[in-house]
PDB file of N, CA and C in Angstrom:
ATOM      1  N   MET A   1      44.624 173.982  42.734  1.00  0.00           N
ATOM      2  CA  MET A   1      45.741 173.108  42.500  1.00  0.00           C
ATOM      3  C   MET A   1      46.684 173.685  41.457  1.00  0.00           C
ATOM      4  N   ASP A   2      46.089 174.234  40.432  1.00  0.00           N
ATOM      5  CA  ASP A   2      46.892 174.807  39.363  1.00  0.00           C
ATOM      6  C   ASP A   2      47.737 175.975  39.872  1.00  0.00           C
ATOM      7  N   VAL A   3      47.176 176.739  40.793  1.00  0.00           N
ATOM      8  CA  VAL A   3      47.891 177.876  41.366  1.00  0.00           C
ATOM      9  C   VAL A   3      49.082 177.385  42.194  1.00  0.00           C
ATOM     10  N   ARG A   4      48.889 176.300  42.920  1.00  0.00           N
ATOM     11  CA  ARG A   4      49.994 175.743  43.719  1.00  0.00           C
ATOM     12  C   ARG A   4      51.140 175.258  42.835  1.00  0.00           C
ATOM     13  N   ARG A   5      50.827 174.656  41.728  1.00  0.00           N
ATOM     14  CA  ARG A   5      51.877 174.194  40.808  1.00  0.00           C
ATOM     15  C   ARG A   5      52.656 175.374  40.258  1.00  0.00           C
ATOM     16  N   ARG A   6      51.954 176.388  39.869  1.00  0.00           N
ATOM     17  CA  ARG A   6      52.624 177.571  39.325  1.00  0.00           C
ATOM     18  C   ARG A   6      53.517 178.221  40.380  1.00  0.00           C
ATOM     19  N   LEU A   7      53.009 178.343  41.605  1.00  0.00           N
ATOM     20  CA  LEU A   7      53.833 178.906  42.679  1.00  0.00           C
ATOM     21  C   LEU A   7      55.052 178.032  42.951  1.00  0.00           C
ATOM     22  N   GLY A   8      54.874 176.740  42.887  1.00  0.00           N
ATOM     23  CA  GLY A   8      56.003 175.817  43.072  1.00  0.00           C
ATOM     24  C   GLY A   8      57.039 175.980  41.983  1.00  0.00           C
ATOM     25  N   MET A   9      56.574 176.122  40.744  1.00  0.00           N
ATOM     26  CA  MET A   9      57.501 176.317  39.635  1.00  0.00           C
ATOM     27  C   MET A   9      58.229 177.647  39.765  1.00  0.00           C
ATOM     28  N   ILE A  10      57.506 178.687  40.142  1.00  0.00           N
ATOM     29  CA  ILE A  10      58.135 180.001  40.319  1.00  0.00           C
ATOM     30  C   ILE A  10      59.167 179.937  41.428  1.00  0.00           C
ATOM     31  N   ARG A  11      58.827 179.273  42.529  1.00  0.00           N
ATOM     32  CA  ARG A  11      59.771 179.128  43.639  1.00  0.00           C
ATOM     33  C   ARG A  11      61.017 178.371  43.187  1.00  0.00           C
ATOM     34  N   SER A  12      60.845 177.325  42.409  1.00  0.00           N
ATOM     35  CA  SER A  12      61.992 176.554  41.907  1.00  0.00           C
ATOM     36  C   SER A  12      62.885 177.402  41.010  1.00  0.00           C
ATOM     37  N   ILE A  13      62.272 178.187  40.153  1.00  0.00           N
ATOM     38  CA  ILE A  13      63.044 179.043  39.251  1.00  0.00           C
ATOM     39  C   ILE A  13      63.818 180.088  40.049  1.00  0.00           C
ATOM     40  N   VAL A  14      63.165 180.703  41.023  1.00  0.00           N
ATOM     41  CA  VAL A  14      63.831 181.724  41.840  1.00  0.00           C
ATOM     42  C   VAL A  14      64.979 181.100  42.631  1.00  0.00           C
ATOM     43  N   LEU A  15      64.727 179.957  43.257  1.00  0.00           N
ATOM     44  CA  LEU A  15      65.789 179.301  44.026  1.00  0.00           C
ATOM     45  C   LEU A  15      66.950 178.879  43.132  1.00  0.00           C
ATOM     46  N   GLY A  16      66.629 178.418  41.937  1.00  0.00           N
ATOM     47  CA  GLY A  16      67.689 178.058  40.984  1.00  0.00           C
ATOM     48  C   GLY A  16      68.519 179.274  40.599  1.00  0.00           C
ATOM     49  N   GLY A  17      67.854 180.402  40.370  1.00  0.00           N
ATOM     50  CA  GLY A  17      68.575 181.634  40.042  1.00  0.00           C
ATOM     51  C   GLY A  17      69.460 182.093  41.186  1.00  0.00           C
ATOM     52  N   VAL A  18      68.944 182.005  42.405  1.00  0.00           N
ATOM     53  CA  VAL A  18      69.733 182.374  43.582  1.00  0.00           C
ATOM     54  C   VAL A  18      70.937 181.457  43.714  1.00  0.00           C
ATOM     55  N   PHE A  19      70.742 180.172  43.481  1.00  0.00           N
ATOM     56  CA  PHE A  19      71.843 179.213  43.567  1.00  0.00           C
ATOM     57  C   PHE A  19      72.927 179.528  42.541  1.00  0.00           C
ATOM     58  N   LEU A  20      72.521 179.769  41.303  1.00  0.00           N
ATOM     59  CA  LEU A  20      73.505 180.083  40.256  1.00  0.00           C
ATOM     60  C   LEU A  20      74.235 181.393  40.544  1.00  0.00           C
ATOM     61  N   THR A  21      73.522 182.374  41.054  1.00  0.00           N
ATOM     62  CA  THR A  21      74.147 183.648  41.404  1.00  0.00           C
ATOM     63  C   THR A  21      75.158 183.463  42.521  1.00  0.00           C
ATOM     64  N   SER A  22      74.820 182.666  43.521  1.00  0.00           N
ATOM     65  CA  SER A  22      75.751 182.456  44.635  1.00  0.00           C
ATOM     66  C   SER A  22      77.001 181.716  44.178  1.00  0.00           C
ATOM     67  N   ILE A  23      76.855 180.768  43.268  1.00  0.00           N
ATOM     68  CA  ILE A  23      78.031 180.071  42.731  1.00  0.00           C
ATOM     69  C   ILE A  23      78.914 181.054  41.983  1.00  0.00           C
ATOM     70  N   SER A  24      78.302 181.923  41.206  1.00  0.00           N
ATOM     71  CA  SER A  24      79.054 182.924  40.453  1.00  0.00           C
ATOM     72  C   SER A  24      79.823 183.845  41.387  1.00  0.00           C
ATOM     73  N   VAL A  25      79.182 184.287  42.464  1.00  0.00           N
ATOM     74  CA  VAL A  25      79.843 185.185  43.423  1.00  0.00           C
ATOM     75  C   VAL A  25      81.005 184.481  44.098  1.00  0.00           C
ATOM     76  N   VAL A  26      80.815 183.227  44.475  1.00  0.00           N
ATOM     77  CA  VAL A  26      81.873 182.478  45.162  1.00  0.00           C
ATOM     78  C   VAL A  26      83.064 182.272  44.244  1.00  0.00           C
ATOM     79  N   THR A  27      82.819 181.901  43.005  1.00  0.00           N
ATOM     80  CA  THR A  27      83.938 181.635  42.103  1.00  0.00           C
ATOM     81  C   THR A  27      84.661 182.903  41.695  1.00  0.00           C
ATOM     82  N   GLN A  28      83.960 184.035  41.662  1.00  0.00           N
ATOM     83  CA  GLN A  28      84.607 185.285  41.293  1.00  0.00           C
ATOM     84  C   GLN A  28      85.191 186.000  42.495  1.00  0.00           C
ATOM     85  N   GLY A  29      84.868 185.556  43.681  1.00  0.00           N
ATOM     86  CA  GLY A  29      85.375 186.189  44.891  1.00  0.00           C
ATOM     87  C   GLY A  29      86.883 186.093  44.988  1.00  0.00           C
ATOM     88  N   CYS A  30      87.445 185.025  44.496  1.00  0.00           N
ATOM     89  CA  CYS A  30      88.890 184.839  44.491  1.00  0.00           C
ATOM     90  C   CYS A  30      89.349 185.099  43.064  1.00  0.00           C
ATOM     91  N   ASN A  31      89.675 186.359  42.772  1.00  0.00           N
ATOM     92  CA  ASN A  31      89.951 186.749  41.401  1.00  0.00           C
ATOM     93  C   ASN A  31      91.436 186.811  41.075  1.00  0.00           C
ATOM     94  N   THR A  32      92.239 186.094  41.804  1.00  0.00           N
ATOM     95  CA  THR A  32      93.668 186.105  41.520  1.00  0.00           C
ATOM     96  C   THR A  32      94.127 184.702  41.169  1.00  0.00           C
ATOM     97  N   VAL A  33      95.112 184.630  40.328  1.00  0.00           N
ATOM     98  CA  VAL A  33      95.691 183.340  39.996  1.00  0.00           C
ATOM     99  C   VAL A  33      96.979 183.130  40.782  1.00  0.00           C
ATOM    100  N   GLN A  34      97.316 184.095  41.608  1.00  0.00           N
ATOM    101  CA  GLN A  34      98.523 183.987  42.410  1.00  0.00           C
ATOM    102  C   GLN A  34      98.280 183.106  43.622  1.00  0.00           C
ATOM    103  N   SER A  35      99.309 182.366  43.981  1.00  0.00           N
ATOM    104  CA  SER A  35      99.229 181.588  45.210  1.00  0.00           C
ATOM    105  C   SER A  35      99.349 182.535  46.395  1.00  0.00           C
ATOM    106  N   PRO A  36      98.894 182.104  47.571  1.00  0.00           N
ATOM    107  CA  PRO A  36      99.053 182.970  48.751  1.00  0.00           C
ATOM    108  C   PRO A  36     100.515 183.357  48.987  1.00  0.00           C
ATOM    109  N   ARG A  37     101.428 182.446  48.729  1.00  0.00           N
ATOM    110  CA  ARG A  37     102.863 182.734  48.909  1.00  0.00           C
ATOM    111  C   ARG A  37     103.313 183.854  47.968  1.00  0.00           C
ATOM    112  N   ALA A  38     102.862 183.796  46.720  1.00  0.00           N
ATOM    113  CA  ALA A  38     103.236 184.839  45.748  1.00  0.00           C
ATOM    114  C   ALA A  38     102.649 186.177  46.142  1.00  0.00           C
ATOM    115  N   GLN A  39     101.426 186.164  46.690  1.00  0.00           N
ATOM    116  CA  GLN A  39     100.814 187.415  47.125  1.00  0.00           C
ATOM    117  C   GLN A  39     101.616 188.030  48.261  1.00  0.00           C
ATOM    118  N   VAL A  40     102.085 187.204  49.186  1.00  0.00           N
ATOM    119  CA  VAL A  40     102.907 187.703  50.298  1.00  0.00           C
ATOM    120  C   VAL A  40     104.224 188.237  49.765  1.00  0.00           C
ATOM    121  N   ASP A  41     104.840 187.504  48.844  1.00  0.00           N
ATOM    122  CA  ASP A  41     106.097 187.965  48.254  1.00  0.00           C
ATOM    123  C   ASP A  41     105.916 189.318  47.573  1.00  0.00           C
ATOM    124  N   ASP A  42     104.825 189.489  46.837  1.00  0.00           N
ATOM    125  CA  ASP A  42     104.565 190.758  46.169  1.00  0.00           C
ATOM    126  C   ASP A  42     104.394 191.885  47.180  1.00  0.00           C
ATOM    127  N   ALA A  43     103.710 191.606  48.275  1.00  0.00           N
ATOM    128  CA  ALA A  43     103.532 192.627  49.314  1.00  0.00           C
ATOM    129  C   ALA A  43     104.876 192.990  49.939  1.00  0.00           C
ATOM    130  N   GLN A  44     105.729 191.987  50.148  1.00  0.00           N
ATOM    131  CA  GLN A  44     107.060 192.258  50.705  1.00  0.00           C
ATOM    132  C   GLN A  44     107.899 193.071  49.734  1.00  0.00           C
ATOM    133  N   ILE A  45     107.828 192.738  48.462  1.00  0.00           N
ATOM    134  CA  ILE A  45     108.576 193.489  47.448  1.00  0.00           C
ATOM    135  C   ILE A  45     108.108 194.937  47.429  1.00  0.00           C
ATOM    136  N   THR A  46     106.801 195.159  47.434  1.00  0.00           N
ATOM    137  CA  THR A  46     106.257 196.522  47.431  1.00  0.00           C
ATOM    138  C   THR A  46     106.775 197.297  48.636  1.00  0.00           C
ATOM    139  N   THR A  47     106.743 196.670  49.802  1.00  0.00           N
ATOM    140  CA  THR A  47     107.212 197.323  51.024  1.00  0.00           C
ATOM    141  C   THR A  47     108.694 197.663  50.928  1.00  0.00           C
ATOM    142  N   GLU A  48     109.491 196.727  50.426  1.00  0.00           N
ATOM    143  CA  GLU A  48     110.934 196.980  50.304  1.00  0.00           C
ATOM    144  C   GLU A  48     111.232 198.073  49.284  1.00  0.00           C
ATOM    145  N   VAL A  49     110.497 198.075  48.173  1.00  0.00           N
ATOM    146  CA  VAL A  49     110.709 199.122  47.155  1.00  0.00           C
ATOM    147  C   VAL A  49     110.374 200.482  47.742  1.00  0.00           C
ATOM    148  N   LYS A  50     109.245 200.585  48.429  1.00  0.00           N
ATOM    149  CA  LYS A  50     108.862 201.858  49.043  1.00  0.00           C
ATOM    150  C   LYS A  50     109.900 202.308  50.055  1.00  0.00           C
ATOM    151  N   SER A  51     110.397 201.379  50.845  1.00  0.00           N
ATOM    152  CA  SER A  51     111.406 201.710  51.855  1.00  0.00           C
ATOM    153  C   SER A  51     112.696 202.210  51.212  1.00  0.00           C
ATOM    154  N   LYS A  52     113.138 201.499  50.169  1.00  0.00           N
ATOM    155  CA  LYS A  52     114.374 201.921  49.492  1.00  0.00           C
ATOM    156  C   LYS A  52     114.191 203.252  48.777  1.00  0.00           C
ATOM    157  N   LEU A  53     113.020 203.455  48.196  1.00  0.00           N
ATOM    158  CA  LEU A  53     112.769 204.746  47.548  1.00  0.00           C
ATOM    159  C   LEU A  53     112.812 205.863  48.574  1.00  0.00           C
ATOM    160  N   ALA A  54     112.246 205.615  49.748  1.00  0.00           N
ATOM    161  CA  ALA A  54     112.227 206.638  50.799  1.00  0.00           C
ATOM    162  C   ALA A  54     113.626 206.980  51.270  1.00  0.00           C
ATOM    163  N   SER A  55     114.522 206.006  51.281  1.00  0.00           N
ATOM    164  CA  SER A  55     115.870 206.280  51.776  1.00  0.00           C
ATOM    165  C   SER A  55     116.851 206.700  50.676  1.00  0.00           C
ATOM    166  N   ASP A  56     116.584 206.316  49.426  1.00  0.00           N
ATOM    167  CA  ASP A  56     117.542 206.571  48.347  1.00  0.00           C
ATOM    168  C   ASP A  56     117.165 207.694  47.394  1.00  0.00           C
ATOM    169  N   VAL A  57     115.894 208.110  47.407  1.00  0.00           N
ATOM    170  CA  VAL A  57     115.434 209.141  46.477  1.00  0.00           C
ATOM    171  C   VAL A  57     115.014 210.343  47.299  1.00  0.00           C
ATOM    172  N   ASN A  58     115.140 211.514  46.715  1.00  0.00           N
ATOM    173  CA  ASN A  58     114.731 212.746  47.377  1.00  0.00           C
ATOM    174  C   ASN A  58     113.310 212.591  47.917  1.00  0.00           C
ATOM    175  N   THR A  59     113.146 212.701  49.225  1.00  0.00           N
ATOM    176  CA  THR A  59     111.867 212.448  49.875  1.00  0.00           C
ATOM    177  C   THR A  59     110.744 213.306  49.332  1.00  0.00           C
ATOM    178  N   SER A  60     111.006 214.540  48.994  1.00  0.00           N
ATOM    179  CA  SER A  60     109.940 215.408  48.482  1.00  0.00           C
ATOM    180  C   SER A  60     109.432 214.923  47.125  1.00  0.00           C
ATOM    181  N   SER A  61     110.209 214.090  46.446  1.00  0.00           N
ATOM    182  CA  SER A  61     109.799 213.573  45.145  1.00  0.00           C
ATOM    183  C   SER A  61     108.872 212.372  45.275  1.00  0.00           C
ATOM    184  N   LEU A  62     108.804 211.777  46.461  1.00  0.00           N
ATOM    185  CA  LEU A  62     108.068 210.534  46.630  1.00  0.00           C
ATOM    186  C   LEU A  62     106.581 210.714  46.893  1.00  0.00           C
ATOM    187  N   THR A  63     106.149 211.907  47.150  1.00  0.00           N
ATOM    188  CA  THR A  63     104.750 212.091  47.518  1.00  0.00           C
ATOM    189  C   THR A  63     103.790 211.699  46.411  1.00  0.00           C
ATOM    190  N   ASP A  64     104.247 211.708  45.163  1.00  0.00           N
ATOM    191  CA  ASP A  64     103.372 211.387  44.046  1.00  0.00           C
ATOM    192  C   ASP A  64     103.733 210.070  43.366  1.00  0.00           C
ATOM    193  N   ILE A  65     104.445 209.179  44.055  1.00  0.00           N
ATOM    194  CA  ILE A  65     104.825 207.892  43.476  1.00  0.00           C
ATOM    195  C   ILE A  65     104.047 206.786  44.165  1.00  0.00           C
ATOM    196  N   SER A  66     103.396 205.936  43.354  1.00  0.00           N
ATOM    197  CA  SER A  66     102.764 204.746  43.907  1.00  0.00           C
ATOM    198  C   SER A  66     103.500 203.518  43.383  1.00  0.00           C
ATOM    199  N   VAL A  67     103.524 202.478  44.214  1.00  0.00           N
ATOM    200  CA  VAL A  67     104.231 201.243  43.884  1.00  0.00           C
ATOM    201  C   VAL A  67     103.232 200.096  43.956  1.00  0.00           C
ATOM    202  N   ASN A  68     103.204 199.273  42.910  1.00  0.00           N
ATOM    203  CA  ASN A  68     102.353 198.091  42.891  1.00  0.00           C
ATOM    204  C   ASN A  68     103.175 196.931  42.359  1.00  0.00           C
ATOM    205  N   THR A  69     103.003 195.748  42.961  1.00  0.00           N
ATOM    206  CA  THR A  69     103.762 194.581  42.538  1.00  0.00           C
ATOM    207  C   THR A  69     102.812 193.425  42.261  1.00  0.00           C
ATOM    208  N   THR A  70     102.978 192.793  41.109  1.00  0.00           N
ATOM    209  CA  THR A  70     102.220 191.605  40.748  1.00  0.00           C
ATOM    210  C   THR A  70     103.171 190.611  40.092  1.00  0.00           C
ATOM    211  N   ASN A  71     103.253 189.422  40.675  1.00  0.00           N
ATOM    212  CA  ASN A  71     104.135 188.365  40.163  1.00  0.00           C
ATOM    213  C   ASN A  71     105.581 188.851  40.013  1.00  0.00           C
ATOM    214  N   GLY A  72     106.025 189.684  40.936  1.00  0.00           N
ATOM    215  CA  GLY A  72     107.400 190.180  40.914  1.00  0.00           C
ATOM    216  C   GLY A  72     107.632 191.352  39.984  1.00  0.00           C
ATOM    217  N   VAL A  73     106.604 191.762  39.256  1.00  0.00           N
ATOM    218  CA  VAL A  73     106.721 192.907  38.351  1.00  0.00           C
ATOM    219  C   VAL A  73     106.248 194.152  39.096  1.00  0.00           C
ATOM    220  N   VAL A  74     107.170 195.092  39.275  1.00  0.00           N
ATOM    221  CA  VAL A  74     106.883 196.324  40.011  1.00  0.00           C
ATOM    222  C   VAL A  74     106.466 197.404  39.024  1.00  0.00           C
ATOM    223  N   THR A  75     105.371 198.076  39.341  1.00  0.00           N
ATOM    224  CA  THR A  75     104.921 199.202  38.526  1.00  0.00           C
ATOM    225  C   THR A  75     105.038 200.465  39.356  1.00  0.00           C
ATOM    226  N   LEU A  76     105.789 201.415  38.834  1.00  0.00           N
ATOM    227  CA  LEU A  76     105.924 202.728  39.460  1.00  0.00           C
ATOM    228  C   LEU A  76     105.025 203.681  38.680  1.00  0.00           C
ATOM    229  N   ALA A  77     104.190 204.408  39.384  1.00  0.00           N
ATOM    230  CA  ALA A  77     103.290 205.350  38.730  1.00  0.00           C
ATOM    231  C   ALA A  77     103.254 206.644  39.527  1.00  0.00           C
ATOM    232  N   GLY A  78     102.913 207.710  38.848  1.00  0.00           N
ATOM    233  CA  GLY A  78     102.810 209.000  39.512  1.00  0.00           C
ATOM    234  C   GLY A  78     103.628 210.050  38.796  1.00  0.00           C
ATOM    235  N   GLN A  79     103.996 211.073  39.550  1.00  0.00           N
ATOM    236  CA  GLN A  79     104.719 212.200  38.961  1.00  0.00           C
ATOM    237  C   GLN A  79     106.008 212.461  39.725  1.00  0.00           C
ATOM    238  N   VAL A  80     107.040 212.797  38.978  1.00  0.00           N
ATOM    239  CA  VAL A  80     108.330 213.189  39.564  1.00  0.00           C
ATOM    240  C   VAL A  80     108.787 214.479  38.896  1.00  0.00           C
ATOM    241  N   GLY A  81     109.741 215.148  39.523  1.00  0.00           N
ATOM    242  CA  GLY A  81     110.170 216.452  39.053  1.00  0.00           C
ATOM    243  C   GLY A  81     111.207 216.452  37.946  1.00  0.00           C
ATOM    244  N   SER A  82     111.855 215.297  37.688  1.00  0.00           N
ATOM    245  CA  SER A  82     112.881 215.289  36.640  1.00  0.00           C
ATOM    246  C   SER A  82     113.083 213.881  36.097  1.00  0.00           C
ATOM    247  N   ALA A  83     113.708 213.832  34.923  1.00  0.00           N
ATOM    248  CA  ALA A  83     114.023 212.546  34.297  1.00  0.00           C
ATOM    249  C   ALA A  83     115.038 211.772  35.135  1.00  0.00           C
ATOM    250  N   GLU A  84     115.919 212.495  35.827  1.00  0.00           N
ATOM    251  CA  GLU A  84     116.915 211.833  36.673  1.00  0.00           C
ATOM    252  C   GLU A  84     116.249 211.102  37.833  1.00  0.00           C
ATOM    253  N   ILE A  85     115.259 211.738  38.442  1.00  0.00           N
ATOM    254  CA  ILE A  85     114.542 211.092  39.549  1.00  0.00           C
ATOM    255  C   ILE A  85     113.779 209.878  39.032  1.00  0.00           C
ATOM    256  N   LYS A  86     113.185 210.009  37.856  1.00  0.00           N
ATOM    257  CA  LYS A  86     112.462 208.883  37.259  1.00  0.00           C
ATOM    258  C   LYS A  86     113.387 207.695  37.052  1.00  0.00           C
ATOM    259  N   GLN A  87     114.563 207.940  36.478  1.00  0.00           N
ATOM    260  CA  GLN A  87     115.523 206.866  36.218  1.00  0.00           C
ATOM    261  C   GLN A  87     116.061 206.285  37.530  1.00  0.00           C
ATOM    262  N   HIS A  88     116.341 207.159  38.487  1.00  0.00           N
ATOM    263  CA  HIS A  88     116.869 206.691  39.771  1.00  0.00           C
ATOM    264  C   HIS A  88     115.840 205.817  40.497  1.00  0.00           C
ATOM    265  N   ALA A  89     114.565 206.191  40.435  1.00  0.00           N
ATOM    266  CA  ALA A  89     113.511 205.391  41.069  1.00  0.00           C
ATOM    267  C   ALA A  89     113.449 204.000  40.438  1.00  0.00           C
ATOM    268  N   GLN A  90     113.608 203.922  39.136  1.00  0.00           N
ATOM    269  CA  GLN A  90     113.611 202.629  38.458  1.00  0.00           C
ATOM    270  C   GLN A  90     114.810 201.798  38.879  1.00  0.00           C
ATOM    271  N   THR A  91     115.972 202.421  38.961  1.00  0.00           N
ATOM    272  CA  THR A  91     117.185 201.716  39.376  1.00  0.00           C
ATOM    273  C   THR A  91     117.040 201.177  40.795  1.00  0.00           C
ATOM    274  N   VAL A  92     116.507 202.007  41.677  1.00  0.00           N
ATOM    275  CA  VAL A  92     116.307 201.593  43.072  1.00  0.00           C
ATOM    276  C   VAL A  92     115.336 200.419  43.130  1.00  0.00           C
ATOM    277  N   ALA A  93     114.216 200.504  42.421  1.00  0.00           N
ATOM    278  CA  ALA A  93     113.221 199.423  42.435  1.00  0.00           C
ATOM    279  C   ALA A  93     113.811 198.125  41.878  1.00  0.00           C
ATOM    280  N   SER A  94     114.613 198.237  40.828  1.00  0.00           N
ATOM    281  CA  SER A  94     115.227 197.055  40.219  1.00  0.00           C
ATOM    282  C   SER A  94     116.201 196.354  41.149  1.00  0.00           C
ATOM    283  N   SER A  95     116.757 197.098  42.096  1.00  0.00           N
ATOM    284  CA  SER A  95     117.762 196.515  42.986  1.00  0.00           C
ATOM    285  C   SER A  95     117.173 195.684  44.123  1.00  0.00           C
ATOM    286  N   VAL A  96     115.872 195.710  44.299  1.00  0.00           N
ATOM    287  CA  VAL A  96     115.230 194.959  45.385  1.00  0.00           C
ATOM    288  C   VAL A  96     115.168 193.478  45.005  1.00  0.00           C
ATOM    289  N   PRO A  97     115.583 192.594  45.913  1.00  0.00           N
ATOM    290  CA  PRO A  97     115.524 191.160  45.622  1.00  0.00           C
ATOM    291  C   PRO A  97     114.089 190.712  45.333  1.00  0.00           C
ATOM    292  N   GLY A  98     113.928 189.871  44.312  1.00  0.00           N
ATOM    293  CA  GLY A  98     112.619 189.351  43.953  1.00  0.00           C
ATOM    294  C   GLY A  98     111.940 190.117  42.836  1.00  0.00           C
ATOM    295  N   VAL A  99     112.481 191.282  42.475  1.00  0.00           N
ATOM    296  CA  VAL A  99     111.886 192.073  41.402  1.00  0.00           C
ATOM    297  C   VAL A  99     112.293 191.452  40.059  1.00  0.00           C
ATOM    298  N   ALA A 100     111.283 191.052  39.288  1.00  0.00           N
ATOM    299  CA  ALA A 100     111.543 190.457  37.976  1.00  0.00           C
ATOM    300  C   ALA A 100     111.708 191.532  36.907  1.00  0.00           C
ATOM    301  N   ARG A 101     110.900 192.585  37.022  1.00  0.00           N
ATOM    302  CA  ARG A 101     110.928 193.664  36.028  1.00  0.00           C
ATOM    303  C   ARG A 101     110.293 194.895  36.648  1.00  0.00           C
ATOM    304  N   VAL A 102     110.635 196.067  36.117  1.00  0.00           N
ATOM    305  CA  VAL A 102     110.034 197.313  36.584  1.00  0.00           C
ATOM    306  C   VAL A 102     109.351 197.989  35.407  1.00  0.00           C
ATOM    307  N   ASN A 103     108.069 198.261  35.575  1.00  0.00           N
ATOM    308  CA  ASN A 103     107.330 199.082  34.608  1.00  0.00           C
ATOM    309  C   ASN A 103     107.359 200.504  35.148  1.00  0.00           C
ATOM    310  N   ASN A 104     108.126 201.349  34.507  1.00  0.00           N
ATOM    311  CA  ASN A 104     108.283 202.722  34.983  1.00  0.00           C
ATOM    312  C   ASN A 104     107.295 203.619  34.245  1.00  0.00           C
ATOM    313  N   GLU A 105     106.163 203.858  34.892  1.00  0.00           N
ATOM    314  CA  GLU A 105     105.125 204.701  34.300  1.00  0.00           C
ATOM    315  C   GLU A 105     105.115 206.094  34.933  1.00  0.00           C
ATOM    316  N   LEU A 106     106.233 206.470  35.535  1.00  0.00           N
ATOM    317  CA  LEU A 106     106.338 207.788  36.156  1.00  0.00           C
ATOM    318  C   LEU A 106     106.332 208.871  35.078  1.00  0.00           C
ATOM    319  N   GLN A 107     105.639 209.951  35.354  1.00  0.00           N
ATOM    320  CA  GLN A 107     105.577 211.084  34.439  1.00  0.00           C
ATOM    321  C   GLN A 107     106.441 212.209  34.986  1.00  0.00           C
ATOM    322  N   VAL A 108     107.240 212.800  34.123  1.00  0.00           N
ATOM    323  CA  VAL A 108     108.084 213.916  34.529  1.00  0.00           C
ATOM    324  C   VAL A 108     107.291 215.207  34.357  1.00  0.00           C
ATOM    325  N   THR A 109     107.070 215.883  35.468  1.00  0.00           N
ATOM    326  CA  THR A 109     106.387 217.178  35.459  1.00  0.00           C
ATOM    327  C   THR A 109     107.178 218.118  36.330  1.00  0.00           C
ATOM    328  N   PRO A 110     108.091 218.886  35.728  1.00  0.00           N
ATOM    329  CA  PRO A 110     108.911 219.799  36.526  1.00  0.00           C
ATOM    330  C   PRO A 110     108.058 220.778  37.302  1.00  0.00           C
ATOM    331  N   LYS A 111     108.457 221.017  38.529  1.00  0.00           N
ATOM    332  CA  LYS A 111     107.738 221.972  39.364  1.00  0.00           C
ATOM    333  C   LYS A 111     108.091 223.381  38.909  1.00  0.00           C
ATOM    334  N   SER A 112     107.077 224.208  38.840  1.00  0.00           N
ATOM    335  CA  SER A 112     107.308 225.592  38.408  1.00  0.00           C
ATOM    336  C   SER A 112     107.922 226.377  39.545  1.00  0.00           C
ATOM    337  N   THR A 113     108.808 227.290  39.210  1.00  0.00           N
ATOM    338  CA  THR A 113     109.450 228.142  40.220  1.00  0.00           C
ATOM    339  C   THR A 113     108.838 229.526  40.132  1.00  0.00           C
ATOM    340  N   GLN A 114     107.882 229.774  41.014  1.00  0.00           N
ATOM    341  CA  GLN A 114     107.211 231.079  40.980  1.00  0.00           C
ATOM    342  C   GLN A 114     107.735 231.951  42.063  1.00  0.00           C
TER     343      GLN A 114
END
């Protein structure tokens, strides 16, 4: 009888741990505070920024640029060949409707001419 009680208690503890773990996973599964509408808007902004960069900036300069948008704030990251391209990319991104701000984290690394 004593063994059955202990097994029952162990089973209860394990099931309780599994329950708490599953609640934790479910609540952390949705790790954004953005509404679905805001997430769609951010995706549209990212797409429009990439499109405008492709048409307005030297295409060979775009291979090392990534664009990310959160709550209307666009972050440009990567490498460009000159300060002019860096500034132009920021100007282009700022011109897209819905962009609240641009974080220009582009690094200028001139290409060597060998």
